[in-house]
Amino acid sequence: MTRRILIVDDDREIAGLIGIYLKNEGFEIELAHDGKDALDKLERESYDLVVLDVMMPRLDGLEACRRIRERQGIPILMVSAKSEDMDKILGLMTGADDYMIKPFNPLELLARVKSLLRRSYQYNAALSPPSDDGTLTVGPLRIHKRSHTVEADGKPIRLTSTEFGILYLLASHPGRVFSAEEIFQHVWKEKFFESNNTVMVHISKLRDKLEQETSDKLITTVWGVGYKIDP
C-alpha cells in the first residue's frame, strides 16, 4: 500500500524538493504552505505522516501541531531552522514525534520518515506477550496493539504513535525498569546519544495524558535508572 505524506512548508522550493525525494521512494505526496492549509487538507483527506515546518504564516507549525494532536495520532516530523535544545523540546512537547534541524541531509529525512512509519504501523511484534489479540490491561487501561488504541475505563485516550510505543513497551514488562537508552532503542530503533532528551520529553507528555484521564501515576520514575509500570 502506498503511504501518503503531507508536506507543510511555506518555502515552496524546499517543500518541492522534499516532495521529490519522497516521491522517488514511492510515497504519494501532497503539499500545503501554511498551517491552516494543512489543517483543511487533513480534514478532507487521509494521510500516513506529516512533515511540518515551524515558521509559517497564518498558522505556525507549533499551533498546527497542537490542533492536529487534538484530532489525530498521525506521525508528525517537525522541521525547523531553530536549532536550540529548547526549540526541539517545545516541538516535541507540542506533540511532534521527531524533530529535524534545517538544513538537513535528504537521506536522513528519508530515514526519519521511514522510521516513523515503521513505528506507527509495524510496531515490533516481538515485544508483545502471548495473546490472541495483543491487548494488555494495566490498572484502568486497556491497550490494544492491533489498533494502536488505549482506553481508560472505556474512554479513549489519544496518543501519538511514539507515546503508544513507549506505553506498550513498559506495559508489556510490568515491574521492569527501562533506561532511557533502552526505550529509545526499542521504540525509535536508532542509536542513542547520551545528551538525547527525547525520551524524557515523550515520557512527560505520556504521563500527563494518562494522569489526566486516570488520576493515577501509572509510569514511575526510578531516579538515575529509568522508567517502569508496576504490575
C-alpha atoms as a PDB file:
ATOM      1  CA  MET A   1       0.000   0.000   0.000  1.00  0.00           C
ATOM      2  CA  THR A   2       1.350   3.449  -0.955  1.00  0.00           C
ATOM      3  CA  ARG A   3       1.836   5.732   2.037  1.00  0.00           C
ATOM      4  CA  ARG A   4       0.514   9.297   1.722  1.00  0.00           C
ATOM      5  CA  ILE A   5       2.586  12.135   3.164  1.00  0.00           C
ATOM      6  CA  LEU A   6       1.543  15.750   3.670  1.00  0.00           C
ATOM      7  CA  ILE A   7       4.452  18.218   3.418  1.00  0.00           C
ATOM      8  CA  VAL A   8       3.760  21.572   5.083  1.00  0.00           C
ATOM      9  CA  ASP A   9       6.253  24.385   4.400  1.00  0.00           C
ATOM     10  CA  ASP A  10       5.778  27.970   3.249  1.00  0.00           C
ATOM     11  CA  ASP A  11       9.061  27.765   1.297  1.00  0.00           C
ATOM     12  CA  ARG A  12       7.712  26.237  -1.892  1.00  0.00           C
ATOM     13  CA  GLU A  13      11.166  25.317  -3.168  1.00  0.00           C
ATOM     14  CA  ILE A  14      12.025  23.340  -0.015  1.00  0.00           C
ATOM     15  CA  ALA A  15       8.586  21.697   0.025  1.00  0.00           C
ATOM     16  CA  GLY A  16       9.016  20.725  -3.607  1.00  0.00           C
ATOM     17  CA  LEU A  17      12.478  19.256  -3.031  1.00  0.00           C
ATOM     18  CA  ILE A  18      11.272  17.207  -0.059  1.00  0.00           C
ATOM     19  CA  GLY A  19       8.402  16.020  -2.232  1.00  0.00           C
ATOM     20  CA  ILE A  20      10.780  14.912  -4.996  1.00  0.00           C
ATOM     21  CA  TYR A  21      12.923  12.868  -2.609  1.00  0.00           C
ATOM     22  CA  LEU A  22       9.897  11.189  -1.063  1.00  0.00           C
ATOM     23  CA  LYS A  23       8.223  10.535  -4.427  1.00  0.00           C
ATOM     24  CA  ASN A  24      11.403   8.826  -5.609  1.00  0.00           C
ATOM     25  CA  GLU A  25      10.985   6.427  -2.663  1.00  0.00           C
ATOM     26  CA  GLY A  26       7.458   5.537  -3.757  1.00  0.00           C
ATOM     27  CA  PHE A  27       5.456   7.793  -1.415  1.00  0.00           C
ATOM     28  CA  GLU A  28       2.388   9.721  -2.532  1.00  0.00           C
ATOM     29  CA  ILE A  29       2.868  13.417  -1.773  1.00  0.00           C
ATOM     30  CA  GLU A  30       0.650  16.436  -1.201  1.00  0.00           C
ATOM     31  CA  LEU A  31       1.851  19.954  -0.349  1.00  0.00           C
ATOM     32  CA  ALA A  32       0.471  22.659   1.950  1.00  0.00           C
ATOM     33  CA  HIS A  33       2.089  26.037   2.505  1.00  0.00           C
ATOM     34  CA  ASP A  34       0.824  27.105   5.911  1.00  0.00           C
ATOM     35  CA  GLY A  35      -0.718  25.536   8.989  1.00  0.00           C
ATOM     36  CA  LYS A  36      -4.284  26.465   8.124  1.00  0.00           C
ATOM     37  CA  ASP A  37      -3.994  24.926   4.666  1.00  0.00           C
ATOM     38  CA  ALA A  38      -2.598  21.767   6.292  1.00  0.00           C
ATOM     39  CA  LEU A  39      -5.497  21.501   8.748  1.00  0.00           C
ATOM     40  CA  ASP A  40      -8.005  21.937   5.927  1.00  0.00           C
ATOM     41  CA  LYS A  41      -6.356  19.136   3.941  1.00  0.00           C
ATOM     42  CA  LEU A  42      -6.264  16.852   6.991  1.00  0.00           C
ATOM     43  CA  GLU A  43      -9.999  17.410   7.458  1.00  0.00           C
ATOM     44  CA  ARG A  44     -10.712  16.297   3.887  1.00  0.00           C
ATOM     45  CA  GLU A  45      -8.079  13.643   3.231  1.00  0.00           C
ATOM     46  CA  SER A  46      -6.297  10.792   4.998  1.00  0.00           C
ATOM     47  CA  TYR A  47      -2.505  10.828   5.351  1.00  0.00           C
ATOM     48  CA  ASP A  48       0.026   8.485   6.924  1.00  0.00           C
ATOM     49  CA  LEU A  49       2.535  11.138   8.057  1.00  0.00           C
ATOM     50  CA  VAL A  50       3.007  14.917   8.161  1.00  0.00           C
ATOM     51  CA  VAL A  51       6.304  16.744   7.569  1.00  0.00           C
ATOM     52  CA  LEU A  52       5.650  20.064   9.313  1.00  0.00           C
ATOM     53  CA  ASP A  53       7.717  23.265   9.216  1.00  0.00           C
ATOM     54  CA  VAL A  54       7.652  25.525  12.286  1.00  0.00           C
ATOM     55  CA  MET A  55       7.936  29.065  10.909  1.00  0.00           C
ATOM     56  CA  MET A  56       4.944  29.720   8.641  1.00  0.00           C
ATOM     57  CA  PRO A  57       2.385  32.492   8.030  1.00  0.00           C
ATOM     58  CA  ARG A  58      -1.295  32.428   9.097  1.00  0.00           C
ATOM     59  CA  LEU A  59      -0.792  29.460  11.425  1.00  0.00           C
ATOM     60  CA  ASP A  60       2.666  28.339  12.505  1.00  0.00           C
ATOM     61  CA  GLY A  61       3.804  24.741  12.838  1.00  0.00           C
ATOM     62  CA  LEU A  62       3.602  24.599  16.621  1.00  0.00           C
ATOM     63  CA  GLU A  63      -0.043  25.655  16.722  1.00  0.00           C
ATOM     64  CA  ALA A  64      -0.854  23.437  13.747  1.00  0.00           C
ATOM     65  CA  CYS A  65       0.775  20.508  15.573  1.00  0.00           C
ATOM     66  CA  ARG A  66      -1.322  21.185  18.692  1.00  0.00           C
ATOM     67  CA  ARG A  67      -4.524  21.223  16.664  1.00  0.00           C
ATOM     68  CA  ILE A  68      -3.621  18.062  14.747  1.00  0.00           C
ATOM     69  CA  ARG A  69      -2.945  16.297  18.045  1.00  0.00           C
ATOM     70  CA  GLU A  70      -6.412  17.257  19.290  1.00  0.00           C
ATOM     71  CA  ARG A  71      -7.889  15.221  16.440  1.00  0.00           C
ATOM     72  CA  GLN A  72      -5.395  12.623  15.240  1.00  0.00           C
ATOM     73  CA  GLY A  73      -2.434  10.486  16.327  1.00  0.00           C
ATOM     74  CA  ILE A  74      -0.795  10.679  12.884  1.00  0.00           C
ATOM     75  CA  PRO A  75       3.041  10.710  12.987  1.00  0.00           C
ATOM     76  CA  ILE A  76       4.469  14.235  12.737  1.00  0.00           C
ATOM     77  CA  LEU A  77       8.055  15.036  11.707  1.00  0.00           C
ATOM     78  CA  MET A  78       8.747  18.673  12.590  1.00  0.00           C
ATOM     79  CA  VAL A  79      11.429  20.572  10.662  1.00  0.00           C
ATOM     80  CA  SER A  80      12.847  23.948  11.623  1.00  0.00           C
ATOM     81  CA  ALA A  81      15.825  26.270  11.236  1.00  0.00           C
ATOM     82  CA  LYS A  82      15.686  26.732  15.018  1.00  0.00           C
ATOM     83  CA  SER A  83      18.462  24.601  16.479  1.00  0.00           C
ATOM     84  CA  GLU A  84      18.388  25.362  20.220  1.00  0.00           C
ATOM     85  CA  ASP A  85      17.567  22.494  22.576  1.00  0.00           C
ATOM     86  CA  MET A  86      14.554  24.371  23.958  1.00  0.00           C
ATOM     87  CA  ASP A  87      13.125  24.757  20.452  1.00  0.00           C
ATOM     88  CA  LYS A  88      13.374  20.998  19.942  1.00  0.00           C
ATOM     89  CA  ILE A  89      11.857  20.302  23.360  1.00  0.00           C
ATOM     90  CA  LEU A  90       8.986  22.701  22.642  1.00  0.00           C
ATOM     91  CA  GLY A  91       8.304  20.969  19.332  1.00  0.00           C
ATOM     92  CA  LEU A  92       8.255  17.545  20.960  1.00  0.00           C
ATOM     93  CA  MET A  93       6.129  18.770  23.880  1.00  0.00           C
ATOM     94  CA  THR A  94       3.631  20.175  21.380  1.00  0.00           C
ATOM     95  CA  GLY A  95       3.134  16.677  20.005  1.00  0.00           C
ATOM     96  CA  ALA A  96       5.712  16.079  17.269  1.00  0.00           C
ATOM     97  CA  ASP A  97       7.169  12.573  17.092  1.00  0.00           C
ATOM     98  CA  ASP A  98      10.539  13.727  15.770  1.00  0.00           C
ATOM     99  CA  TYR A  99      12.374  16.992  15.075  1.00  0.00           C
ATOM    100  CA  MET A 100      14.929  17.821  12.369  1.00  0.00           C
ATOM    101  CA  ILE A 101      17.023  20.971  12.000  1.00  0.00           C
ATOM    102  CA  LYS A 102      17.344  22.746   8.639  1.00  0.00           C
ATOM    103  CA  PRO A 103      19.374  22.380   6.509  1.00  0.00           C
ATOM    104  CA  PHE A 104      19.253  18.591   6.642  1.00  0.00           C
ATOM    105  CA  ASN A 105      20.555  15.729   4.555  1.00  0.00           C
ATOM    106  CA  PRO A 106      17.731  14.370   2.349  1.00  0.00           C
ATOM    107  CA  LEU A 107      18.888  10.825   3.114  1.00  0.00           C
ATOM    108  CA  GLU A 108      18.442  11.495   6.838  1.00  0.00           C
ATOM    109  CA  LEU A 109      14.955  12.865   6.174  1.00  0.00           C
ATOM    110  CA  LEU A 110      14.056   9.683   4.300  1.00  0.00           C
ATOM    111  CA  ALA A 111      15.428   7.568   7.145  1.00  0.00           C
ATOM    112  CA  ARG A 112      13.401   9.514   9.743  1.00  0.00           C
ATOM    113  CA  VAL A 113      10.201   9.250   7.670  1.00  0.00           C
ATOM    114  CA  LYS A 114      10.605   5.503   7.212  1.00  0.00           C
ATOM    115  CA  SER A 115      11.404   5.057  10.905  1.00  0.00           C
ATOM    116  CA  LEU A 116       8.255   6.941  11.955  1.00  0.00           C
ATOM    117  CA  LEU A 117       6.109   4.910   9.586  1.00  0.00           C
ATOM    118  CA  ARG A 118       7.581   1.643  10.865  1.00  0.00           C
ATOM    119  CA  ARG A 119       6.864   2.626  14.460  1.00  0.00           C
ATOM    120  CA  SER A 120       3.349   3.709  13.626  1.00  0.00           C
ATOM    121  CA  TYR A 121       2.213   0.741  11.550  1.00  0.00           C
ATOM    122  CA  GLN A 122       4.583  -2.132  12.247  1.00  0.00           C
ATOM    123  CA  TYR A 123       5.449  -1.847  15.919  1.00  0.00           C
ATOM    124  CA  ASN A 124       7.842  -4.598  16.996  1.00  0.00           C
ATOM    125  CA  ALA A 125       5.693  -7.732  17.366  1.00  0.00           C
ATOM    126  CA  ALA A 126       8.413  -9.416  19.409  1.00  0.00           C
ATOM    127  CA  LEU A 127       7.597  -7.144  22.342  1.00  0.00           C
ATOM    128  CA  SER A 128       4.051  -8.474  22.586  1.00  0.00           C
ATOM    129  CA  PRO A 129       3.352 -11.094  25.247  1.00  0.00           C
ATOM    130  CA  PRO A 130       1.495 -14.224  24.176  1.00  0.00           C
ATOM    131  CA  SER A 131      -2.072 -13.133  23.495  1.00  0.00           C
ATOM    132  CA  ASP A 132      -4.748 -13.705  20.910  1.00  0.00           C
ATOM    133  CA  ASP A 133      -5.105 -10.041  20.030  1.00  0.00           C
ATOM    134  CA  GLY A 134      -2.178  -8.318  21.754  1.00  0.00           C
ATOM    135  CA  THR A 135      -4.425  -6.471  24.215  1.00  0.00           C
ATOM    136  CA  LEU A 136      -2.933  -5.539  27.595  1.00  0.00           C
ATOM    137  CA  THR A 137      -4.731  -4.479  30.771  1.00  0.00           C
ATOM    138  CA  VAL A 138      -2.849  -2.248  33.228  1.00  0.00           C
ATOM    139  CA  GLY A 139      -4.947  -0.815  36.061  1.00  0.00           C
ATOM    140  CA  PRO A 140      -7.763   1.126  34.379  1.00  0.00           C
ATOM    141  CA  LEU A 141      -6.047   0.955  30.970  1.00  0.00           C
ATOM    142  CA  ARG A 142      -6.783  -1.397  28.098  1.00  0.00           C
ATOM    143  CA  ILE A 143      -4.056  -1.169  25.474  1.00  0.00           C
ATOM    144  CA  HIS A 144      -4.908  -2.591  22.048  1.00  0.00           C
ATOM    145  CA  LYS A 145      -1.837  -3.450  19.997  1.00  0.00           C
ATOM    146  CA  ARG A 146      -3.587  -4.170  16.707  1.00  0.00           C
ATOM    147  CA  SER A 147      -5.458  -0.868  16.553  1.00  0.00           C
ATOM    148  CA  HIS A 148      -2.845   1.175  18.470  1.00  0.00           C
ATOM    149  CA  THR A 149      -5.575   2.481  20.770  1.00  0.00           C
ATOM    150  CA  VAL A 150      -5.804   2.945  24.526  1.00  0.00           C
ATOM    151  CA  GLU A 151      -8.860   3.207  26.759  1.00  0.00           C
ATOM    152  CA  ALA A 152      -9.230   4.221  30.399  1.00  0.00           C
ATOM    153  CA  ASP A 153     -12.398   2.717  31.868  1.00  0.00           C
ATOM    154  CA  GLY A 154     -13.799   2.581  28.347  1.00  0.00           C
ATOM    155  CA  LYS A 155     -12.893   6.182  27.455  1.00  0.00           C
ATOM    156  CA  PRO A 156     -10.378   6.528  24.599  1.00  0.00           C
ATOM    157  CA  ILE A 157      -7.044   8.284  25.242  1.00  0.00           C
ATOM    158  CA  ARG A 158      -5.480   9.867  22.167  1.00  0.00           C
ATOM    159  CA  LEU A 159      -1.767   9.031  21.946  1.00  0.00           C
ATOM    160  CA  THR A 160       0.827   9.585  19.261  1.00  0.00           C
ATOM    161  CA  SER A 161       2.418   6.502  17.728  1.00  0.00           C
ATOM    162  CA  THR A 162       5.589   7.166  19.731  1.00  0.00           C
ATOM    163  CA  GLU A 163       3.690   7.531  23.004  1.00  0.00           C
ATOM    164  CA  PHE A 164       1.826   4.302  22.261  1.00  0.00           C
ATOM    165  CA  GLY A 165       5.120   2.529  21.571  1.00  0.00           C
ATOM    166  CA  ILE A 166       6.573   3.627  24.909  1.00  0.00           C
ATOM    167  CA  LEU A 167       3.417   2.681  26.815  1.00  0.00           C
ATOM    168  CA  TYR A 168       3.178  -0.730  25.169  1.00  0.00           C
ATOM    169  CA  LEU A 169       6.833  -1.450  25.884  1.00  0.00           C
ATOM    170  CA  LEU A 170       6.511  -0.618  29.596  1.00  0.00           C
ATOM    171  CA  ALA A 171       3.134  -2.336  29.965  1.00  0.00           C
ATOM    172  CA  SER A 172       4.455  -5.487  28.270  1.00  0.00           C
ATOM    173  CA  HIS A 173       7.065  -5.843  31.020  1.00  0.00           C
ATOM    174  CA  PRO A 174       5.369  -4.739  34.280  1.00  0.00           C
ATOM    175  CA  GLY A 175       7.808  -4.065  37.089  1.00  0.00           C
ATOM    176  CA  ARG A 176      10.848  -3.933  34.835  1.00  0.00           C
ATOM    177  CA  VAL A 177      12.803  -0.663  34.770  1.00  0.00           C
ATOM    178  CA  PHE A 178      13.786   0.511  31.285  1.00  0.00           C
ATOM    179  CA  SER A 179      16.549   3.083  30.908  1.00  0.00           C
ATOM    180  CA  ALA A 180      16.084   5.997  28.509  1.00  0.00           C
ATOM    181  CA  GLU A 181      18.613   4.323  26.228  1.00  0.00           C
ATOM    182  CA  GLU A 182      16.661   1.046  26.174  1.00  0.00           C
ATOM    183  CA  ILE A 183      13.378   2.821  25.482  1.00  0.00           C
ATOM    184  CA  PHE A 184      14.930   4.838  22.663  1.00  0.00           C
ATOM    185  CA  GLN A 185      16.497   1.785  21.045  1.00  0.00           C
ATOM    186  CA  HIS A 186      13.271  -0.276  21.326  1.00  0.00           C
ATOM    187  CA  VAL A 187      10.861   2.418  20.119  1.00  0.00           C
ATOM    188  CA  TRP A 188      12.966   4.631  17.840  1.00  0.00           C
ATOM    189  CA  LYS A 189      15.215   1.754  16.700  1.00  0.00           C
ATOM    190  CA  GLU A 190      18.142   4.143  16.376  1.00  0.00           C
ATOM    191  CA  LYS A 191      21.424   4.695  18.184  1.00  0.00           C
ATOM    192  CA  PHE A 192      21.034   6.571  21.472  1.00  0.00           C
ATOM    193  CA  PHE A 193      23.237   9.564  22.297  1.00  0.00           C
ATOM    194  CA  GLU A 194      23.908  10.461  25.914  1.00  0.00           C
ATOM    195  CA  SER A 195      22.647  14.045  25.591  1.00  0.00           C
ATOM    196  CA  ASN A 196      19.389  12.924  23.928  1.00  0.00           C
ATOM    197  CA  ASN A 197      16.403  14.167  25.986  1.00  0.00           C
ATOM    198  CA  THR A 198      13.765  12.940  23.522  1.00  0.00           C
ATOM    199  CA  VAL A 199      12.633  10.050  25.727  1.00  0.00           C
ATOM    200  CA  MET A 200      12.211  12.316  28.753  1.00  0.00           C
ATOM    201  CA  VAL A 201      10.010  14.715  26.773  1.00  0.00           C
ATOM    202  CA  HIS A 202       7.781  11.943  25.408  1.00  0.00           C
ATOM    203  CA  ILE A 203       7.508  10.242  28.817  1.00  0.00           C
ATOM    204  CA  SER A 204       6.424  13.566  30.320  1.00  0.00           C
ATOM    205  CA  LYS A 205       3.707  14.044  27.696  1.00  0.00           C
ATOM    206  CA  LEU A 206       2.529  10.441  28.007  1.00  0.00           C
ATOM    207  CA  ARG A 207       2.416  10.613  31.803  1.00  0.00           C
ATOM    208  CA  ASP A 208       0.385  13.845  31.677  1.00  0.00           C
ATOM    209  CA  LYS A 209      -2.189  12.305  29.323  1.00  0.00           C
ATOM    210  CA  LEU A 210      -2.561   9.157  31.411  1.00  0.00           C
ATOM    211  CA  GLU A 211      -2.827  11.022  34.719  1.00  0.00           C
ATOM    212  CA  GLN A 212      -5.388  13.421  33.259  1.00  0.00           C
ATOM    213  CA  GLU A 213      -7.670  10.518  32.348  1.00  0.00           C
ATOM    214  CA  THR A 214      -6.994   8.128  35.249  1.00  0.00           C
ATOM    215  CA  SER A 215      -5.739  10.342  38.121  1.00  0.00           C
ATOM    216  CA  ASP A 216      -3.129   7.606  38.683  1.00  0.00           C
ATOM    217  CA  LYS A 217       0.661   7.819  38.410  1.00  0.00           C
ATOM    218  CA  LEU A 218       0.957   4.751  36.212  1.00  0.00           C
ATOM    219  CA  ILE A 219       4.509   5.425  34.999  1.00  0.00           C
ATOM    220  CA  THR A 220       7.091   5.544  37.781  1.00  0.00           C
ATOM    221  CA  THR A 221      10.484   7.222  37.503  1.00  0.00           C
ATOM    222  CA  VAL A 222      13.307   5.313  39.159  1.00  0.00           C
ATOM    223  CA  TRP A 223      15.793   8.140  39.576  1.00  0.00           C
ATOM    224  CA  GLY A 224      19.130   7.507  37.958  1.00  0.00           C
ATOM    225  CA  VAL A 225      17.875   4.282  36.362  1.00  0.00           C
ATOM    226  CA  GLY A 226      14.815   4.755  34.166  1.00  0.00           C
ATOM    227  CA  TYR A 227      11.051   4.205  33.989  1.00  0.00           C
ATOM    228  CA  LYS A 228       8.587   1.415  34.751  1.00  0.00           C
ATOM    229  CA  ILE A 229       4.932   0.489  35.150  1.00  0.00           C
ATOM    230  CA  ASP A 230       4.225  -1.505  38.280  1.00  0.00           C
ATOM    231  CA  PRO A 231       2.223  -4.741  37.989  1.00  0.00           C
END
